[in-house]
Amino acid sequence: QVQLTESGGTVVQAGESLRLSCTASGTRFGGKDMAWYRQAPGRQDEVVATVSHAFTRTYATFVNDRFTISRNVVGNRMFLQMFCLKVEDSHVYYCNTDLQSGDVEPFPWGQGTQITVVS
């Protein structure tokens, strides 16, 4: 059974750092390009960062050099190191395949991990 599990979210003060983890069980990321997404209530998911199977990284404009995405070589874990968190970073964060090309199927979505940034 394929499962993605996100962890690391919590309540933090503005300016603090967090490291999110994404662990795959029942599968490995393999040759898939992966991404972190975030969602606020009533809003669509937005891509935060992507890391390709070749370890090429991209970031949303709002990241502004504050986050670093990475994945392990084994292909079952992915991370998002977040620095200088802002109140507007308060979202539920999810990991999954990079769906932006439109021709990739997602893994089953995990529960996500909630980040709340307070001022």
N, C-alpha and C. Protein backbone atom coordinates (compact mmCIF):
# COMPACT_ATOMS: atom_id res chain seq x y z
N GLN A 1 0.84 -1.19 0.00
CA GLN A 1 0.00 0.00 0.00
C GLN A 1 0.88 1.25 0.00
N VAL A 2 0.67 2.11 -0.98
CA VAL A 2 1.47 3.32 -1.12
C VAL A 2 0.95 4.38 -0.16
N GLN A 3 1.88 4.97 0.57
CA GLN A 3 1.48 6.01 1.52
C GLN A 3 2.57 7.07 1.59
N LEU A 4 2.15 8.33 1.57
CA LEU A 4 3.05 9.46 1.82
C LEU A 4 2.70 10.05 3.17
N THR A 5 3.70 10.28 3.97
CA THR A 5 3.48 10.84 5.30
C THR A 5 4.32 12.09 5.46
N GLU A 6 3.64 13.21 5.69
CA GLU A 6 4.33 14.48 5.94
C GLU A 6 4.42 14.71 7.44
N SER A 7 5.52 15.31 7.87
CA SER A 7 5.69 15.59 9.30
C SER A 7 6.58 16.81 9.46
N GLY A 8 6.59 17.33 10.67
CA GLY A 8 7.47 18.44 11.01
C GLY A 8 6.76 19.75 11.24
N GLY A 9 5.49 19.83 10.89
CA GLY A 9 4.75 21.07 11.08
C GLY A 9 4.42 21.30 12.53
N THR A 10 4.37 22.55 12.91
CA THR A 10 4.04 22.93 14.29
C THR A 10 3.74 24.42 14.33
N VAL A 11 3.58 24.95 15.50
CA VAL A 11 3.39 26.39 15.69
C VAL A 11 4.74 27.03 16.00
N VAL A 12 5.08 28.06 15.25
CA VAL A 12 6.35 28.74 15.46
C VAL A 12 6.15 30.24 15.43
N GLN A 13 7.14 30.94 15.91
CA GLN A 13 7.15 32.39 15.84
C GLN A 13 7.67 32.83 14.47
N ALA A 14 7.21 33.97 14.02
CA ALA A 14 7.73 34.53 12.77
C ALA A 14 9.25 34.68 12.89
N GLY A 15 9.93 34.31 11.81
CA GLY A 15 11.39 34.38 11.80
C GLY A 15 12.08 33.08 12.15
N GLU A 16 11.33 32.14 12.71
CA GLU A 16 11.93 30.87 13.10
C GLU A 16 12.02 29.91 11.90
N SER A 17 12.61 28.75 12.16
CA SER A 17 12.85 27.76 11.10
C SER A 17 12.14 26.46 11.41
N LEU A 18 11.88 25.70 10.37
CA LEU A 18 11.31 24.36 10.49
C LEU A 18 11.86 23.49 9.38
N ARG A 19 11.85 22.19 9.63
CA ARG A 19 12.22 21.22 8.60
C ARG A 19 11.08 20.22 8.45
N LEU A 20 10.49 20.21 7.29
CA LEU A 20 9.43 19.26 6.99
C LEU A 20 10.02 18.00 6.35
N SER A 21 9.41 16.87 6.65
CA SER A 21 9.83 15.61 6.07
C SER A 21 8.66 14.95 5.35
N CYS A 22 8.98 14.24 4.30
CA CYS A 22 8.01 13.45 3.55
C CYS A 22 8.58 12.06 3.42
N THR A 23 7.87 11.07 3.91
CA THR A 23 8.34 9.70 3.86
C THR A 23 7.38 8.86 3.04
N ALA A 24 7.93 8.12 2.10
CA ALA A 24 7.12 7.22 1.28
C ALA A 24 7.23 5.80 1.82
N SER A 25 6.11 5.15 1.96
CA SER A 25 6.10 3.73 2.32
C SER A 25 5.31 2.98 1.26
N GLY A 26 5.74 1.77 1.00
CA GLY A 26 5.08 0.97 -0.02
C GLY A 26 5.51 1.35 -1.43
N THR A 27 6.40 2.29 -1.55
CA THR A 27 6.90 2.72 -2.84
C THR A 27 8.15 3.56 -2.64
N ARG A 28 8.79 3.91 -3.71
CA ARG A 28 9.84 4.91 -3.68
C ARG A 28 9.53 5.94 -4.75
N PHE A 29 10.11 7.14 -4.59
CA PHE A 29 9.86 8.18 -5.56
C PHE A 29 10.38 7.77 -6.93
N GLY A 30 11.45 6.96 -6.95
CA GLY A 30 12.01 6.47 -8.18
C GLY A 30 12.42 7.58 -9.11
N GLY A 31 12.02 7.49 -10.34
CA GLY A 31 12.39 8.48 -11.35
C GLY A 31 11.42 9.64 -11.43
N LYS A 32 10.59 9.79 -10.42
CA LYS A 32 9.57 10.85 -10.47
C LYS A 32 10.12 12.16 -9.94
N ASP A 33 9.68 13.23 -10.56
CA ASP A 33 9.93 14.56 -10.02
C ASP A 33 8.93 14.80 -8.90
N MET A 34 9.41 15.36 -7.80
CA MET A 34 8.59 15.51 -6.61
C MET A 34 8.41 16.99 -6.25
N ALA A 35 7.41 17.25 -5.43
CA ALA A 35 7.11 18.64 -5.07
C ALA A 35 6.52 18.73 -3.67
N TRP A 36 6.70 19.88 -3.08
CA TRP A 36 5.96 20.26 -1.88
C TRP A 36 4.86 21.23 -2.32
N TYR A 37 3.67 21.04 -1.76
CA TYR A 37 2.53 21.90 -2.01
C TYR A 37 2.06 22.46 -0.68
N ARG A 38 1.25 23.53 -0.76
CA ARG A 38 0.61 24.02 0.45
C ARG A 38 -0.79 24.49 0.11
N GLN A 39 -1.62 24.44 1.13
CA GLN A 39 -3.02 24.80 0.95
C GLN A 39 -3.53 25.52 2.17
N ALA A 40 -4.15 26.64 1.96
CA ALA A 40 -4.85 27.36 3.04
C ALA A 40 -6.34 27.11 2.88
N PRO A 41 -7.10 27.18 3.94
CA PRO A 41 -8.55 26.92 3.85
C PRO A 41 -9.21 27.75 2.77
N GLY A 42 -9.99 27.10 1.91
CA GLY A 42 -10.72 27.80 0.88
C GLY A 42 -9.90 28.21 -0.32
N ARG A 43 -8.66 27.77 -0.36
CA ARG A 43 -7.79 28.16 -1.47
C ARG A 43 -7.25 26.91 -2.16
N GLN A 44 -6.84 27.08 -3.41
CA GLN A 44 -6.26 25.96 -4.14
C GLN A 44 -4.84 25.68 -3.67
N ASP A 45 -4.44 24.45 -3.92
CA ASP A 45 -3.05 24.12 -3.64
C ASP A 45 -2.11 24.99 -4.47
N GLU A 46 -0.99 25.31 -3.90
CA GLU A 46 0.05 25.99 -4.67
C GLU A 46 1.36 25.25 -4.49
N VAL A 47 2.14 25.23 -5.54
CA VAL A 47 3.44 24.57 -5.49
C VAL A 47 4.41 25.45 -4.72
N VAL A 48 5.10 24.84 -3.78
CA VAL A 48 6.10 25.56 -2.99
C VAL A 48 7.49 25.38 -3.62
N ALA A 49 7.82 24.13 -3.90
CA ALA A 49 9.14 23.81 -4.44
C ALA A 49 9.07 22.45 -5.12
N THR A 50 9.97 22.26 -6.07
CA THR A 50 10.06 20.97 -6.74
C THR A 50 11.52 20.50 -6.75
N VAL A 51 11.68 19.18 -6.78
CA VAL A 51 13.01 18.60 -6.96
C VAL A 51 12.86 17.45 -7.94
N SER A 52 13.59 17.51 -9.02
CA SER A 52 13.46 16.49 -10.06
C SER A 52 14.20 15.22 -9.66
N HIS A 53 13.99 14.17 -10.47
CA HIS A 53 14.69 12.92 -10.23
C HIS A 53 16.19 13.12 -10.38
N ALA A 54 16.58 14.19 -11.10
CA ALA A 54 18.00 14.51 -11.28
C ALA A 54 18.47 15.55 -10.26
N PHE A 55 17.63 15.80 -9.26
CA PHE A 55 17.96 16.70 -8.15
C PHE A 55 18.01 18.17 -8.56
N THR A 56 17.39 18.52 -9.65
CA THR A 56 17.23 19.93 -10.02
C THR A 56 16.10 20.52 -9.20
N ARG A 57 16.30 21.70 -8.66
CA ARG A 57 15.34 22.30 -7.75
C ARG A 57 14.72 23.57 -8.34
N THR A 58 13.46 23.79 -8.08
CA THR A 58 12.79 25.04 -8.41
C THR A 58 11.97 25.48 -7.21
N TYR A 59 11.72 26.79 -7.15
CA TYR A 59 10.98 27.35 -6.02
C TYR A 59 9.96 28.36 -6.51
N ALA A 60 8.85 28.44 -5.79
CA ALA A 60 7.87 29.48 -6.05
C ALA A 60 8.46 30.84 -5.72
N THR A 61 7.95 31.86 -6.37
CA THR A 61 8.48 33.20 -6.17
C THR A 61 8.40 33.63 -4.71
N PHE A 62 7.31 33.25 -4.06
CA PHE A 62 7.12 33.70 -2.67
C PHE A 62 8.15 33.09 -1.71
N VAL A 63 8.84 32.04 -2.14
CA VAL A 63 9.84 31.44 -1.27
C VAL A 63 10.99 32.42 -1.04
N ASN A 64 11.42 33.10 -2.08
CA ASN A 64 12.39 34.20 -1.93
C ASN A 64 13.64 33.75 -1.18
N ASP A 65 14.18 32.60 -1.58
CA ASP A 65 15.44 32.08 -1.04
C ASP A 65 15.36 31.68 0.43
N ARG A 66 14.18 31.45 0.95
CA ARG A 66 14.05 31.09 2.37
C ARG A 66 13.98 29.59 2.60
N PHE A 67 13.66 28.82 1.58
CA PHE A 67 13.45 27.38 1.73
C PHE A 67 14.45 26.60 0.89
N THR A 68 14.73 25.36 1.32
CA THR A 68 15.56 24.46 0.52
C THR A 68 14.88 23.10 0.46
N ILE A 69 14.65 22.62 -0.75
CA ILE A 69 14.05 21.30 -0.95
C ILE A 69 15.16 20.30 -1.23
N SER A 70 14.97 19.09 -0.73
CA SER A 70 15.96 18.04 -0.98
C SER A 70 15.26 16.69 -0.95
N ARG A 71 15.93 15.68 -1.47
CA ARG A 71 15.42 14.32 -1.44
C ARG A 71 16.61 13.40 -1.28
N ASN A 72 16.38 12.24 -0.68
CA ASN A 72 17.51 11.33 -0.49
C ASN A 72 17.72 10.47 -1.73
N VAL A 73 18.89 9.88 -1.81
CA VAL A 73 19.26 9.11 -2.99
C VAL A 73 18.43 7.83 -3.07
N VAL A 74 18.11 7.28 -1.92
CA VAL A 74 17.33 6.04 -1.89
C VAL A 74 15.97 6.25 -2.55
N GLY A 75 15.44 7.46 -2.39
CA GLY A 75 14.19 7.78 -3.07
C GLY A 75 12.96 7.52 -2.25
N ASN A 76 13.09 7.57 -0.93
CA ASN A 76 11.90 7.39 -0.12
C ASN A 76 11.66 8.51 0.86
N ARG A 77 12.51 9.55 0.81
CA ARG A 77 12.31 10.67 1.71
C ARG A 77 12.60 11.99 0.98
N MET A 78 11.86 12.99 1.37
CA MET A 78 12.04 14.32 0.81
C MET A 78 11.89 15.31 1.96
N PHE A 79 12.56 16.46 1.82
CA PHE A 79 12.58 17.41 2.92
C PHE A 79 12.34 18.82 2.40
N LEU A 80 11.90 19.68 3.31
CA LEU A 80 11.79 21.10 3.01
C LEU A 80 12.31 21.85 4.23
N GLN A 81 13.50 22.38 4.11
CA GLN A 81 14.08 23.21 5.17
C GLN A 81 13.58 24.62 4.97
N MET A 82 12.96 25.16 6.01
CA MET A 82 12.32 26.47 5.91
C MET A 82 12.95 27.42 6.92
N PHE A 83 13.39 28.56 6.44
CA PHE A 83 13.98 29.59 7.29
C PHE A 83 13.11 30.86 7.21
N CYS A 84 13.28 31.71 8.20
CA CYS A 84 12.63 33.03 8.18
C CYS A 84 11.14 32.93 7.88
N LEU A 85 10.47 32.06 8.60
CA LEU A 85 9.06 31.84 8.35
C LEU A 85 8.24 33.10 8.62
N LYS A 86 7.21 33.27 7.80
CA LYS A 86 6.33 34.42 7.90
C LYS A 86 4.92 33.95 8.25
N VAL A 87 4.11 34.86 8.74
CA VAL A 87 2.73 34.52 9.08
C VAL A 87 2.01 33.95 7.86
N GLU A 88 2.30 34.50 6.70
CA GLU A 88 1.64 34.03 5.47
C GLU A 88 2.11 32.65 5.02
N ASP A 89 3.09 32.07 5.68
CA ASP A 89 3.48 30.69 5.41
C ASP A 89 2.60 29.68 6.16
N SER A 90 1.66 30.16 6.91
CA SER A 90 0.76 29.29 7.68
C SER A 90 -0.18 28.56 6.72
N HIS A 91 0.07 27.29 6.52
CA HIS A 91 -0.70 26.45 5.61
C HIS A 91 -0.56 24.99 6.04
N VAL A 92 -1.31 24.13 5.42
CA VAL A 92 -1.05 22.69 5.48
C VAL A 92 -0.14 22.37 4.30
N TYR A 93 0.95 21.67 4.56
CA TYR A 93 1.93 21.35 3.53
C TYR A 93 1.84 19.86 3.19
N TYR A 94 1.87 19.58 1.88
CA TYR A 94 1.77 18.23 1.36
C TYR A 94 2.94 17.94 0.43
N CYS A 95 3.29 16.68 0.32
CA CYS A 95 4.26 16.27 -0.69
C CYS A 95 3.57 15.34 -1.68
N ASN A 96 4.06 15.33 -2.88
CA ASN A 96 3.56 14.43 -3.90
C ASN A 96 4.42 14.59 -5.16
N THR A 97 4.05 13.89 -6.19
CA THR A 97 4.76 14.07 -7.45
C THR A 97 4.51 15.48 -7.98
N ASP A 98 5.42 15.95 -8.82
CA ASP A 98 5.27 17.25 -9.45
C ASP A 98 4.22 17.12 -10.56
N LEU A 99 3.08 17.69 -10.35
CA LEU A 99 1.94 17.52 -11.23
C LEU A 99 1.84 18.62 -12.29
N GLN A 100 2.77 19.51 -12.32
CA GLN A 100 2.66 20.69 -13.19
C GLN A 100 2.69 20.35 -14.66
N SER A 101 3.31 19.24 -15.02
CA SER A 101 3.36 18.88 -16.44
C SER A 101 2.02 18.38 -16.94
N GLY A 102 1.18 17.94 -16.01
CA GLY A 102 -0.15 17.47 -16.38
C GLY A 102 -0.22 16.05 -16.85
N ASP A 103 0.89 15.37 -16.99
CA ASP A 103 0.87 13.99 -17.49
C ASP A 103 1.42 13.01 -16.47
N VAL A 104 1.40 13.41 -15.21
CA VAL A 104 1.89 12.54 -14.14
C VAL A 104 0.76 12.29 -13.16
N GLU A 105 0.65 11.06 -12.72
CA GLU A 105 -0.35 10.72 -11.72
C GLU A 105 0.21 10.95 -10.33
N PRO A 106 -0.60 11.47 -9.43
CA PRO A 106 -0.12 11.63 -8.06
C PRO A 106 -0.15 10.31 -7.31
N PHE A 107 0.68 10.21 -6.31
CA PHE A 107 0.50 9.16 -5.31
C PHE A 107 -0.75 9.52 -4.51
N PRO A 108 -1.31 8.57 -3.75
CA PRO A 108 -2.40 8.95 -2.83
C PRO A 108 -1.92 10.06 -1.90
N TRP A 109 -2.74 11.08 -1.72
CA TRP A 109 -2.35 12.21 -0.90
C TRP A 109 -2.30 11.83 0.57
N GLY A 110 -1.29 12.33 1.26
CA GLY A 110 -1.19 12.15 2.70
C GLY A 110 -2.06 13.14 3.44
N GLN A 111 -1.93 13.14 4.75
CA GLN A 111 -2.72 14.03 5.59
C GLN A 111 -2.17 15.45 5.63
N GLY A 112 -0.94 15.61 5.20
CA GLY A 112 -0.33 16.92 5.28
C GLY A 112 0.18 17.23 6.67
N THR A 113 0.92 18.31 6.77
CA THR A 113 1.42 18.75 8.07
C THR A 113 1.18 20.25 8.19
N GLN A 114 0.61 20.66 9.30
CA GLN A 114 0.18 22.04 9.48
C GLN A 114 1.30 22.89 10.06
N ILE A 115 1.56 24.01 9.41
CA ILE A 115 2.45 25.02 9.96
C ILE A 115 1.62 26.25 10.31
N THR A 116 1.80 26.71 11.52
CA THR A 116 1.16 27.95 11.95
C THR A 116 2.26 28.89 12.43
N VAL A 117 2.36 30.03 11.79
CA VAL A 117 3.37 31.02 12.14
C VAL A 117 2.67 32.19 12.80
N VAL A 118 3.08 32.50 14.01
CA VAL A 118 2.46 33.58 14.77
C VAL A 118 3.44 34.74 14.90
N SER A 119 2.89 35.93 14.95
CA SER A 119 3.77 37.11 15.03
C SER A 119 4.04 37.49 16.47
